[in-house]
Protein backbone atom coordinates (compact mmCIF):
# COMPACT_ATOMS: atom_id res chain seq x y z
CA UNK A 1 -9.72 41.13 -24.11
CA UNK A 2 -7.97 38.26 -23.57
CA UNK A 3 -5.33 39.69 -21.24
CA UNK A 4 -8.41 41.26 -19.06
CA UNK A 5 -9.91 38.00 -19.22
CA UNK A 6 -6.49 36.01 -17.68
CA UNK A 7 -6.37 38.84 -15.14
CA UNK A 8 -9.15 37.96 -14.31
CA UNK A 9 -9.05 34.29 -13.54
CA UNK A 10 -5.85 34.87 -11.60
CA UNK A 11 -7.81 37.34 -9.42
CA UNK A 12 -10.68 34.86 -9.05
CA UNK A 13 -8.51 32.78 -7.39
CA UNK A 14 -6.77 35.06 -5.17
CA UNK A 15 -9.54 35.52 -4.53
CA UNK A 16 -10.91 32.56 -3.37
CA UNK A 17 -7.31 31.93 -1.22
CA UNK A 18 -8.16 35.33 0.38
CA UNK A 19 -11.64 34.74 1.21
CA UNK A 20 -11.08 31.13 2.24
CA UNK A 21 -8.27 32.42 5.35
CA UNK A 22 -10.79 34.76 6.69
CA UNK A 23 -13.01 32.11 7.52
CA UNK A 24 -10.00 30.39 10.19
CA UNK A 25 -11.22 33.84 12.39
CA UNK A 26 -14.51 32.17 13.42
CA UNK A 27 -15.03 32.65 17.31
CA UNK A 28 -15.90 30.48 20.25
CA UNK A 29 -18.76 30.40 21.80
CA UNK A 30 -18.84 31.26 25.47
CA UNK A 31 -21.40 30.68 28.44
CA UNK A 32 -20.73 32.97 30.96
CA UNK A 33 -20.44 31.52 34.74
CA UNK A 34 -18.02 32.56 38.00
CA UNK A 35 -15.03 30.77 39.14
CA UNK A 36 -13.18 28.40 36.67
CA UNK A 37 -13.06 28.35 33.44
CA UNK A 38 -13.70 24.80 30.63
CA UNK A 39 -13.27 24.13 27.47
CA UNK A 40 -15.73 22.12 25.89
CA UNK A 41 -13.66 20.87 22.05
CA UNK A 42 -15.75 17.70 20.41
CA UNK A 43 -13.89 15.28 18.45
CA UNK A 44 -16.37 14.18 16.09
CA UNK A 45 -16.62 12.31 12.85
CA UNK A 46 -13.91 10.93 11.29
CA UNK A 47 -10.19 11.19 12.69
CA UNK A 48 -7.72 12.83 10.32
CA UNK A 49 -5.17 15.11 10.11
CA UNK A 50 -7.19 18.30 10.11
CA UNK A 51 -8.70 17.11 13.27
CA UNK A 52 -5.27 16.85 14.72
CA UNK A 53 -4.72 20.60 13.49
CA UNK A 54 -7.89 21.77 14.99
CA UNK A 55 -6.73 19.75 18.69
CA UNK A 56 -3.51 21.71 18.49
CA UNK A 57 -4.98 25.29 18.29
CA UNK A 58 -8.09 25.02 21.18
CA UNK A 59 -5.38 23.18 23.39
CA UNK A 60 -2.92 25.84 22.86
CA UNK A 61 -6.07 28.56 22.89
CA UNK A 62 -7.04 26.62 26.58
CA UNK A 63 -3.99 26.85 27.91
CA UNK A 64 -3.16 30.17 26.68
CA UNK A 65 -6.41 32.04 28.36
CA UNK A 66 -5.65 29.94 32.07
CA UNK A 67 -8.41 26.77 31.10
CA UNK A 68 -9.07 24.95 34.04
CA UNK A 69 -10.34 21.91 32.51
CA UNK A 70 -11.11 20.74 28.99
CA UNK A 71 -13.91 18.23 27.98
CA UNK A 72 -13.46 16.70 25.11
CA UNK A 73 -16.82 15.31 23.72
CA UNK A 74 -15.92 12.40 21.51
CA UNK A 75 -18.21 10.70 19.08
CA UNK A 76 -16.01 9.40 15.65
CA UNK A 77 -15.99 6.10 13.86
CA UNK A 78 -12.35 6.30 14.07
CA UNK A 79 -9.70 7.32 10.91
CA UNK A 80 -6.06 7.53 10.79
CA UNK A 81 -3.70 6.30 12.61
CA UNK A 82 -0.94 8.64 11.92
CA UNK A 83 -3.19 11.76 12.94
CA UNK A 84 -4.33 9.48 16.12
CA UNK A 85 -0.75 9.60 17.15
CA UNK A 86 -0.44 13.62 16.74
CA UNK A 87 -3.36 13.70 18.85
CA UNK A 88 -1.95 11.10 20.99
CA UNK A 89 1.23 13.63 21.71
CA UNK A 90 -1.44 16.65 21.98
CA UNK A 91 -2.80 14.82 24.63
CA UNK A 92 0.69 13.96 26.42
CA UNK A 93 1.86 17.42 26.29
CA UNK A 94 -1.31 18.96 28.14
CA UNK A 95 -0.70 20.51 31.54
CA UNK A 96 -4.15 21.23 31.74
CA UNK A 97 -6.75 18.41 33.78
CA UNK A 98 -8.72 16.84 30.97
CA UNK A 99 -11.62 14.50 30.63
CA UNK A 100 -13.14 12.55 27.51
CA UNK A 101 -16.56 12.25 27.17
CA UNK A 102 -18.02 9.39 25.04
CA UNK A 103 -21.19 10.69 23.99
CA UNK A 104 -21.80 7.81 21.41
CA UNK A 105 -18.86 5.55 20.37
CA UNK A 106 -14.82 5.84 20.17
CA UNK A 107 -13.68 3.36 17.95
CA UNK A 108 -10.51 2.63 16.95
CA UNK A 109 -8.43 5.81 16.66
CA UNK A 110 -11.29 7.50 18.81
CA UNK A 111 -10.55 5.12 21.91
CA UNK A 112 -6.72 5.68 21.42
CA UNK A 113 -7.54 9.43 21.82
CA UNK A 114 -10.28 8.40 24.95
CA UNK A 115 -7.52 6.53 26.54
CA UNK A 116 -4.90 9.63 26.13
CA UNK A 117 -7.08 11.25 28.54
CA UNK A 118 -6.83 12.02 32.31
CA UNK A 119 -10.06 10.97 33.08
CA UNK A 120 -12.92 9.28 31.04
CA UNK A 121 -16.91 9.43 31.03
CA UNK A 122 -19.91 8.31 28.96
CA UNK A 123 -23.37 8.13 28.27
CA UNK A 124 -25.37 5.26 29.00
CA UNK A 125 -25.76 4.35 25.68
CA UNK A 126 -21.94 5.13 24.52
CA UNK A 127 -19.54 2.25 23.29
CA UNK A 128 -15.66 2.26 23.17
CA UNK A 129 -13.27 -0.17 21.47
CA UNK A 130 -13.19 -2.13 17.81
CA UNK A 131 -9.97 -0.67 17.36
CA UNK A 132 -8.00 -3.14 14.71
CA UNK A 133 -5.99 -1.34 12.32
CA UNK A 134 -6.97 -1.90 8.71
CA UNK A 135 -5.71 -0.34 5.36
CA UNK A 136 -8.09 2.04 3.51
CA UNK A 137 -8.95 -0.70 1.41
CA UNK A 138 -10.59 -2.90 4.59
CA UNK A 139 -8.11 -5.07 4.60
CA UNK A 140 -5.98 -6.08 7.84
CA UNK A 141 -2.93 -3.80 8.21
CA UNK A 142 0.63 -5.86 7.67
CA UNK A 143 1.97 -7.18 10.74
CA UNK A 144 4.24 -4.64 11.93
CA UNK A 145 1.81 -1.83 11.73
CA UNK A 146 -0.67 -3.92 14.08
CA UNK A 147 2.35 -4.45 16.58
CA UNK A 148 3.22 -0.46 16.61
CA UNK A 149 -0.72 0.15 16.93
CA UNK A 150 -0.96 -2.26 19.55
CA UNK A 151 2.01 -0.75 21.52
CA UNK A 152 0.34 2.84 20.93
CA UNK A 153 -3.09 1.80 22.59
CA UNK A 154 -1.10 -0.18 25.69
CA UNK A 155 0.66 2.82 26.31
CA UNK A 156 -2.22 5.06 26.27
CA UNK A 157 -3.99 2.52 28.60
CA UNK A 158 -0.66 2.61 31.23
CA UNK A 159 0.11 6.30 31.19
CA UNK A 160 -3.82 7.22 33.05
CA UNK A 161 -2.76 3.60 35.31
CA UNK A 162 -5.31 1.58 33.02
CA UNK A 163 -5.01 -2.06 32.78
CA UNK A 164 -3.23 -2.09 29.87
CA UNK A 165 -5.03 -5.75 29.19
CA UNK A 166 -8.69 -4.52 28.00
CA UNK A 167 -6.54 -1.76 25.30
CA UNK A 168 -4.45 -4.84 23.98
CA UNK A 169 -8.11 -6.75 23.79
CA UNK A 170 -9.77 -3.79 21.94
CA UNK A 171 -6.69 -3.81 19.42
CA UNK A 172 -5.40 -7.25 19.61
CA UNK A 173 -7.91 -9.99 18.17
CA UNK A 174 -6.14 -12.82 19.71
CA UNK A 175 -6.21 -11.65 23.24
CA UNK A 176 -9.33 -13.77 25.03
CA UNK A 177 -11.89 -11.92 26.97
CA UNK A 178 -15.20 -13.76 26.27
CA UNK A 179 -16.62 -12.86 29.12
CA UNK A 180 -16.65 -9.17 28.12
CA UNK A 181 -17.98 -10.40 24.72
CA UNK A 182 -14.33 -10.03 23.01
CA UNK A 183 -13.78 -14.31 22.59
CA UNK A 184 -10.74 -14.79 20.53
CA UNK A 185 -10.73 -13.70 16.85
CA UNK A 186 -12.98 -10.10 17.64
CA UNK A 187 -11.84 -6.81 18.84
CA UNK A 188 -13.38 -5.68 22.42
CA UNK A 189 -15.59 -3.11 22.45
CA UNK A 190 -16.95 -2.13 26.27
CA UNK A 191 -20.37 -0.45 26.89
CA UNK A 192 -20.26 2.16 29.56
CA UNK A 193 -21.34 -0.96 32.49
CA UNK A 194 -18.13 -3.17 31.65
CA UNK A 195 -16.22 -0.30 31.32
CA UNK A 196 -17.36 1.08 35.03
CA UNK A 197 -16.00 -2.51 35.90
CA UNK A 198 -12.88 -2.79 34.49
CA UNK A 199 -11.69 0.68 35.12
CA UNK A 200 -11.95 2.20 31.99
CA UNK A 201 -14.44 4.97 32.55
CA UNK A 202 -14.66 7.07 36.27
CA UNK A 203 -18.47 7.01 35.27
CA UNK A 204 -21.66 7.14 33.58
CA UNK A 205 -23.81 10.65 32.90
CA UNK A 206 -26.67 11.45 31.09
CA UNK A 207 -25.10 15.15 29.09
CA UNK A 208 -22.48 17.60 29.96
CA UNK A 209 -24.31 19.14 32.48
CA UNK A 210 -24.29 16.29 35.04
CA UNK A 211 -20.85 15.72 34.14
CA UNK A 212 -20.16 19.31 35.32
CA UNK A 213 -21.85 18.60 38.23
CA UNK A 214 -19.50 15.45 38.95
CA UNK A 215 -16.00 17.20 38.02
CA UNK A 216 -17.93 20.05 40.74
CA UNK A 217 -17.77 22.93 37.61
CA UNK A 218 -21.19 23.64 37.67
CA UNK A 219 -20.73 26.98 38.29
CA UNK A 220 -17.25 27.11 35.89
CA UNK A 221 -17.38 29.57 32.74
CA UNK A 222 -18.03 27.29 29.13
CA UNK A 223 -16.22 27.83 26.20
CA UNK A 224 -17.13 25.99 23.93
CA UNK A 225 -14.65 25.70 20.62
CA UNK A 226 -15.89 24.48 17.29
CA UNK A 227 -13.91 23.65 14.00
CA UNK A 228 -13.80 27.13 11.91
CA UNK A 229 -15.36 27.27 8.54
CA UNK A 230 -11.56 26.78 6.90
CA UNK A 231 -10.91 23.77 9.15
CA UNK A 232 -14.15 22.25 8.28
CA UNK A 233 -13.29 22.45 4.89
CA UNK A 234 -9.24 22.02 5.24
CA UNK A 235 -10.51 18.44 7.16
CA UNK A 236 -12.60 17.58 3.78
CA UNK A 237 -10.16 18.59 1.85
CA UNK A 238 -6.90 16.45 3.34
CA UNK A 239 -9.45 13.21 3.39
CA UNK A 240 -7.88 10.77 1.96
CA UNK A 241 -10.68 10.12 -0.79
CA UNK A 242 -10.59 13.59 -1.51
CA UNK A 243 -7.05 14.55 -2.52
CA UNK A 244 -6.59 11.66 -5.70
CA UNK A 245 -9.56 13.62 -7.32
CA UNK A 246 -8.98 17.07 -6.21
CA UNK A 247 -5.10 16.14 -8.40
CA UNK A 248 -6.91 14.36 -11.08
CA UNK A 249 -9.19 17.52 -11.30
CA UNK A 250 -6.40 19.66 -11.80
CA UNK A 251 -4.45 17.89 -14.38
CA UNK A 252 -7.54 16.83 -16.06
CA UNK A 253 -8.60 20.69 -16.32
CA UNK A 254 -4.60 21.96 -16.93
CA UNK A 255 -4.60 19.17 -19.60
CA UNK A 256 -7.88 20.26 -21.56
CA UNK A 257 -7.22 23.98 -21.57
CA UNK A 258 -3.82 22.53 -23.58
CA UNK A 259 -6.61 22.00 -26.03
CA UNK A 260 -8.92 25.15 -25.99
CA UNK A 261 -8.73 28.49 -26.86
CA UNK A 262 -7.87 31.38 -25.03
CA UNK A 263 -8.06 30.61 -21.03
CA UNK A 264 -11.15 29.38 -20.13
CA UNK A 265 -12.98 27.23 -18.02
CA UNK A 266 -11.18 23.95 -18.05
CA UNK A 267 -8.03 26.35 -17.03
CA UNK A 268 -9.71 27.78 -14.14
CA UNK A 269 -11.09 24.67 -12.69
CA UNK A 270 -7.67 23.06 -12.39
CA UNK A 271 -6.31 25.99 -10.54
CA UNK A 272 -9.00 26.20 -8.48
CA UNK A 273 -8.07 22.59 -7.24
CA UNK A 274 -4.80 23.22 -6.60
CA UNK A 275 -5.10 26.28 -4.41
CA UNK A 276 -7.79 24.18 -2.60
CA UNK A 277 -5.36 21.43 -2.34
CA UNK A 278 -2.47 23.40 -1.39
CA UNK A 279 -4.89 25.77 0.76
CA UNK A 280 -6.65 22.52 2.79
CA UNK A 281 -2.44 21.20 3.56
CA UNK A 282 -1.37 24.52 4.67
CA UNK A 283 -4.49 24.71 7.57
CA UNK A 284 -3.88 21.56 8.94
CA UNK A 285 -0.46 21.94 8.86
CA UNK A 286 1.02 19.68 6.87
CA UNK A 287 2.12 21.76 3.96
CA UNK A 288 4.53 25.28 3.84
CA UNK A 289 5.17 27.74 1.74
CA UNK A 290 8.33 25.89 0.67
CA UNK A 291 5.85 23.91 -1.36
CA UNK A 292 4.06 26.74 -2.82
CA UNK A 293 7.34 28.02 -4.00
CA UNK A 294 8.02 25.00 -5.33
CA UNK A 295 4.90 24.15 -7.33
CA UNK A 296 5.21 28.03 -8.64
CA UNK A 297 8.72 27.01 -9.99
CA UNK A 298 7.79 23.78 -11.12
CA UNK A 299 4.94 25.03 -13.65
CA UNK A 300 7.01 27.89 -14.54
CA UNK A 301 9.84 25.09 -15.69
CA UNK A 302 7.21 23.12 -17.41
CA UNK A 303 6.34 26.10 -19.49
CA UNK A 304 9.28 27.26 -19.85
CA UNK A 305 10.17 23.47 -21.60
CA UNK A 306 7.80 24.49 -24.52
CA UNK A 307 10.93 27.17 -25.63
CA UNK A 308 13.48 25.37 -24.61
CA UNK A 309 15.66 22.77 -26.34
CA UNK A 310 16.61 19.74 -24.43
CA UNK A 311 13.80 18.39 -21.98
CA UNK A 312 15.65 20.02 -19.32
CA UNK A 313 13.64 22.55 -18.00
CA UNK A 314 10.50 19.91 -18.44
CA UNK A 315 11.67 17.23 -16.39
CA UNK A 316 12.76 19.95 -13.06
CA UNK A 317 9.68 20.83 -13.71
CA UNK A 318 7.82 17.76 -13.03
CA UNK A 319 10.47 16.89 -10.44
CA UNK A 320 9.47 20.16 -8.15
CA UNK A 321 6.16 19.82 -8.66
CA UNK A 322 5.74 16.52 -7.65
CA UNK A 323 8.40 17.22 -4.79
CA UNK A 324 6.00 20.16 -3.47
CA UNK A 325 3.14 17.04 -3.85
CA UNK A 326 5.09 14.92 -1.50
CA UNK A 327 5.92 17.63 0.84
CA UNK A 328 2.47 18.71 1.57
CA UNK A 329 1.81 15.25 2.77
CA UNK A 330 2.38 13.22 6.15
CA UNK A 331 1.43 9.83 4.20
CA UNK A 332 4.32 9.92 1.28
CA UNK A 333 2.49 6.40 0.58
CA UNK A 334 -0.71 7.94 -0.13
CA UNK A 335 0.36 10.86 -1.85
CA UNK A 336 1.86 8.86 -4.04
CA UNK A 337 -0.71 6.62 -4.78
CA UNK A 338 -2.82 9.82 -5.69
CA UNK A 339 -0.42 11.35 -7.61
CA UNK A 340 -0.49 7.87 -9.60
CA UNK A 341 -4.08 7.80 -9.78
CA UNK A 342 -4.10 11.65 -11.22
CA UNK A 343 -1.61 10.87 -13.51
CA UNK A 344 -3.20 7.45 -14.84
CA UNK A 345 -6.21 9.52 -15.63
CA UNK A 346 -5.18 12.12 -17.09
CA UNK A 347 -3.60 9.84 -19.50
CA UNK A 348 -6.32 8.55 -20.22
CA UNK A 349 -7.93 12.04 -20.83
CA UNK A 350 -5.31 12.47 -23.17
CA UNK A 351 -5.75 10.02 -25.67
CA UNK A 352 -9.10 10.69 -25.51
CA UNK A 353 -8.49 14.25 -26.85
CA UNK A 354 -5.62 12.74 -29.02
CA UNK A 355 -8.42 10.93 -30.67
CA UNK A 356 -12.04 12.47 -30.82
CA UNK A 357 -10.56 16.23 -30.18
CA UNK A 358 -6.85 16.37 -32.21
CA UNK A 359 -4.16 19.34 -31.51
CA UNK A 360 -5.69 21.74 -34.17
CA UNK A 361 -7.16 23.97 -30.70
CA UNK A 362 -5.64 25.33 -28.03
CA UNK A 363 -2.01 25.94 -26.78
CA UNK A 364 -0.45 23.49 -29.25
CA UNK A 365 -1.59 25.04 -32.40
CA UNK A 366 1.59 27.56 -31.34
CA UNK A 367 3.76 25.01 -31.60
CA UNK A 368 3.21 21.76 -33.88
CA UNK A 369 2.69 22.79 -37.21
CA UNK A 370 -0.77 21.31 -38.71
CA UNK A 371 0.23 22.63 -42.76
CA UNK A 372 0.96 19.63 -44.97
CA UNK A 373 3.12 20.85 -48.36
CA UNK A 374 1.38 19.97 -51.10
CA UNK A 375 0.97 20.71 -54.41
CA UNK A 376 -2.57 20.93 -54.64
CA UNK A 377 -2.42 23.72 -52.30
CA UNK A 378 0.56 25.67 -54.46
CA UNK A 379 3.41 24.36 -51.76
CA UNK A 380 6.41 23.87 -54.21
CA UNK A 381 10.39 23.66 -53.06
CA UNK A 382 11.39 24.90 -56.43
CA UNK A 383 10.36 25.17 -59.93
CA UNK A 384 9.09 22.31 -61.71
CA UNK A 385 10.35 21.58 -65.02
CA UNK A 386 7.40 19.42 -66.28
CA UNK A 387 8.17 21.20 -69.68
CA UNK A 388 10.85 18.08 -70.32
CA UNK A 389 8.55 15.70 -69.43
CA UNK A 390 8.88 13.34 -72.68
CA UNK A 391 11.29 15.55 -73.80
CA UNK A 392 14.85 13.34 -75.76
CA UNK A 393 18.46 14.49 -75.11
CA UNK A 394 22.41 13.57 -74.65
CA UNK A 395 24.34 12.82 -72.47
CA UNK A 396 27.02 15.61 -71.90
CA UNK A 397 28.94 13.23 -68.98
CA UNK A 398 28.63 9.68 -67.95
CA UNK A 399 25.63 9.21 -65.53
CA UNK A 400 27.14 7.82 -62.43
CA UNK A 401 24.16 8.25 -61.96
CA UNK A 402 24.01 11.64 -61.50
CA UNK A 403 25.55 14.13 -64.58
CA UNK A 404 24.57 16.25 -67.04
CA UNK A 405 23.15 16.12 -70.46
CA UNK A 406 21.95 18.41 -73.08
CA UNK A 407 18.39 19.07 -74.24
CA UNK A 408 17.97 21.12 -77.23
CA UNK A 409 20.91 23.29 -76.33
CA UNK A 410 20.15 23.75 -72.58
CA UNK A 411 22.55 21.85 -70.25
CA UNK A 412 20.84 20.30 -67.35
CA UNK A 413 21.96 18.30 -64.19
CA UNK A 414 20.27 14.95 -64.32
CA UNK A 415 19.83 11.42 -62.73
CA UNK A 416 19.14 7.72 -63.82
CA UNK A 417 16.33 5.76 -62.73
CA UNK A 418 19.92 3.99 -60.95
CA UNK A 419 21.63 2.58 -64.14
CA UNK A 420 25.09 3.36 -66.02
CA UNK A 421 24.62 5.98 -68.64
CA UNK A 422 27.75 6.90 -70.76
CA UNK A 423 28.61 10.04 -72.63
CA UNK A 424 27.07 10.43 -75.90
CA UNK A 425 24.02 8.63 -75.14
CA UNK A 426 20.96 9.52 -75.89
CA UNK A 427 18.38 9.96 -72.85
CA UNK A 428 14.88 10.63 -71.85
CA UNK A 429 13.18 12.45 -69.11
CA UNK A 430 10.47 10.35 -67.13
CA UNK A 431 9.85 12.17 -64.38
CA UNK A 432 10.45 15.63 -62.89
CA UNK A 433 10.77 16.63 -59.64
CA UNK A 434 11.41 20.17 -58.12
CA UNK A 435 15.01 20.36 -59.56
CA UNK A 436 15.22 16.55 -59.59
CA UNK A 437 15.46 15.55 -63.90
CA UNK A 438 15.01 11.88 -63.99
CA UNK A 439 16.10 10.38 -67.13
CA UNK A 440 16.31 6.88 -69.24
CA UNK A 441 19.07 5.85 -71.38
CA UNK A 442 17.45 5.07 -75.45
CA UNK A 443 18.37 1.90 -76.81
CA UNK A 444 20.13 1.92 -79.97
CA UNK A 445 17.41 1.77 -82.36
CA UNK A 446 15.83 5.17 -80.74
CA UNK A 447 18.71 6.98 -81.35
CA UNK A 448 19.15 5.98 -84.87
CA UNK A 449 15.08 7.43 -85.14
CA UNK A 450 15.89 10.45 -83.42
CA UNK A 451 19.01 11.16 -85.64
CA UNK A 452 17.18 10.47 -88.89
């Protein structure tokens, strides 16, 4: 029964991964037209590595299918700088004419993405800018990171022939552009009118149809790309907030499983969390099969540690697991922090388990001895000579402090309470502990009474 249950859980994990992979086959939406072909690719929500993977896939499809133009519809509050850098490389590698269409907002990393496009168009209510780089805790990044990001913004503007001053002002609060509503100390944010005046937009349009008309592509065939379900899942699973949660659930589930009989819900949850973690990172292009191999090897070594002496297998297993997680991350620092959070949470849960549940259940019951060898339960190391208690005899050899004594014709090995007793001296048994017989020397008057 236990074996069939484990096979069921393993099958469930494999089925989950298989079903998720099928979701990657979601097709794009087509609108028939004449002549040219236009790809519409959305750039929305938080900018992260999953978005970069999505844009890589869709732009490659557009290139392979001979697209005449790509329109990137942008509506994002920004996101990760490293992901934005990857997306910038995608734009710079495009041979297809392309336009960024800011439908609502293009802040932070979103403005950088827009600046990498050949042309920029904006809706009448859209805004672009506010691109200062900050840490995940909301504080300003260090000067080195800020300098690198400002340089990236300037380079993106220059690559399309735009005045780099305004790109710098979007990322550097020290630039004073009070005439555009961004005095020193504030990041520049451009509305459509200001953007048109400074050459940061080629036009203001109400909707996509008007944009197609302006581009001379009203009769083009439209192909609308959307993230597949698997890509949406991957974008969620690779979110910096979700990663430590997944790792915590995985580690807690596996630890709790050690305290539970058989293989049940905690182990299943831990296994699914690991599957989801690596699935999201594989779809996002962050993890390869080498990370999976390292993970499986690490888990195997940790299990082997329970049966092998020395601790080397366990240490190697932990190193392999951590290495697999690090290989799956683009940001080593964030992954290290996520692993630290998961470790801290797991330690707290483990302490609670030790304190309130104990080790009498689950996997540990096979490797930890809980029984005690007390005489109340009938455990004895040898026959206990309780019949000798109080018996008096005479030493045959000196006791220093051990030796031999005679008790009614029975020679026994005895030990004193610590002092020396010469041979032919009277002794009395004061304690028996299994084969250990403790004696005390008799005083002279006690020996004479014994002889009488």
